[in-house]
Amino acid sequence: KQPSLVLLLYSLFIKGLSFFNNFLFDSIFDMFNKFLNLLRKRKSLKISQVTPTLPVPSSIKKPSYALPIPSPVKQMHEDDPIIINSSSDIQKLKKSCKIAANVLDYAISLVEPGITTDEIDRKTHELIIKNEAYPSPLHYSGFPKSICTSINECACHGIPDLRPLQEGDIINIDVTVFKDGFHGDTSKTVIVEKKKDEHYQTSSSNKEDIDNTNDSLEDDEKGNNQYKIKDLEIKRELLKIAEKAMYAGISICGPGVPIKDIAPKIEEVVKPTQFGILEHFVGHGIGKEFHCVPAVCHTENEVSTIMKPGMAFTIEPIITELKYSEPEMHSDGWTVLMSDRTYTAQFEHTILITNNGHEILTKSIDESNNNNNNEDNSENFELI
C-alpha cells in the first residue's frame, strides 16, 4: 500500500507540474514573446549630427557657468542650506518660469513629422533671446544646445540634432531659462503626429475601419498595422500616467510637508500599472542656481527636508514602459538611453511653496484653467 500512495502523490505532482507548464508558464512565456516581438519591430534611436552652438548676445545676462571665464557648475550636496526665497526673489523667479512655460508651449507647437530637433532648438533659442533671457542648458557643464529633446527610448538629456522627427515618435522637450538671476524649469512629452486635421486617431470607429481594411491586406501588412495601433496605445497610456504621476506628487506639496512624502503619491499612480519609475534621476531645488537642494526623489526615500514657504523645486518623474529597466549613457556623455529600447515619458513643473499650499510657476495657459487641489495662486506672497 505504501508504494501505491507514493505513486499516487507522484502522479498528482506530475499532473500539477504539467498544469503549471501548460497554462501559467505558457501564458507568461507568450506574454514575454509578444513583447519581444513588439520590441523587434522598433528601430533603435539613431543619434544624428549636432550643429554648432548658437550665439547669445553680450547684452543678455548669463549664469556664471556661461561667462567668458566660466565658474565651475556648483554640485548639489546633501548638507547645503535650503534656499528660502524673499518676496522680491519670488517675483523674479515667477518671471523666469513664465517665460519657460511660454517657450515650452511654443516648442511643442513646432512638433510635427519631418522637423528636426535642431530646428526646434534654433527657434526656441531665438524666442528665449527675444525675451532677453538666457537658455540655461547652453554651456551647462559643456552641454552644446539650448534645450533638451529626448525621443522614444531616450530618458533625458537628449541633444537636439539633425534627425527628422517621425510620425509616432514620442518626444520630451525640456526648457529652462535664466532671467534676472533666476532659472525656471519645465518639460512635457508629446506624440509626434500630423497637424490636427490629419491626426492619426485610435478611436473604436477608426479601429473598425482599420480592421475592415485589413481584410484585403497581406498578412505582413496586417501585422504591421496591428503593431502600430498597439504601439500607439502604449505611448498614449504611458504619457497619461506620467502626467498624472507628476500632478499627484505636486498635490501634496505645502508648508510642513516632508519632501519624502512626494514619492508615495507618485507611486500610488504608477505601481498599479504596467509602468515603472526611473529612480536614477530626481527633481531639484531651483532659483539662483539651476540645480540645488533639496533633492526631490520620485521613489521611496528618507530625505528629511520639510517644505517651507519660499522654497522652490521641480517635480519631474521619468516613467518607464516596463517596471524594471536600466538606463545607459551614450558616448556623447549626455544622452541617457534605455538599454532595452523601451519608451519613457516625463512631465516637469517648477513648484513654489506658499503659506497656504503651493503654486505651479510653470503652468501653461491651458493648464491655468484647471487648478489642482491645494494650489495657492495668490500674487501677494508673504513669508511667515
Foldseek 3Di string as FASTA:
>chain_A
DVVVVVVVVVVVVVVVVVVCVVPVVVVVVVVVVVVVVLLVPDDFDDAAAADFFDDADPQQDDAQLPDPPHDAADDADLPDDFDFAALVLVVFQLVQLQLQLVLQVVLVVPFAFFDFLNVSQVVSCVSCVVVSKAQVVPSNVYQRTSKAKAKQQFQTQHHTDDDTDHQFIKIKIWTWIADPLWIFIWIFIDGHAHPPVGGDDLDPVVVVVLVVVCVPDDPVVNVVVVSSSVSSVLVVVQRVLQVQLLVQLQQQFAFFAFLQVSQVSSCVSAVVDQKAWDQPAFKAWTISHRHYDDTRTNHHDDSGDGDFARTKIKGKIKMWSHHDWDWDDDPVRGTIGTPSSTGITITMFMWGHANQGIATSNDHPVCVVPDHPSHDPDSDTHHD
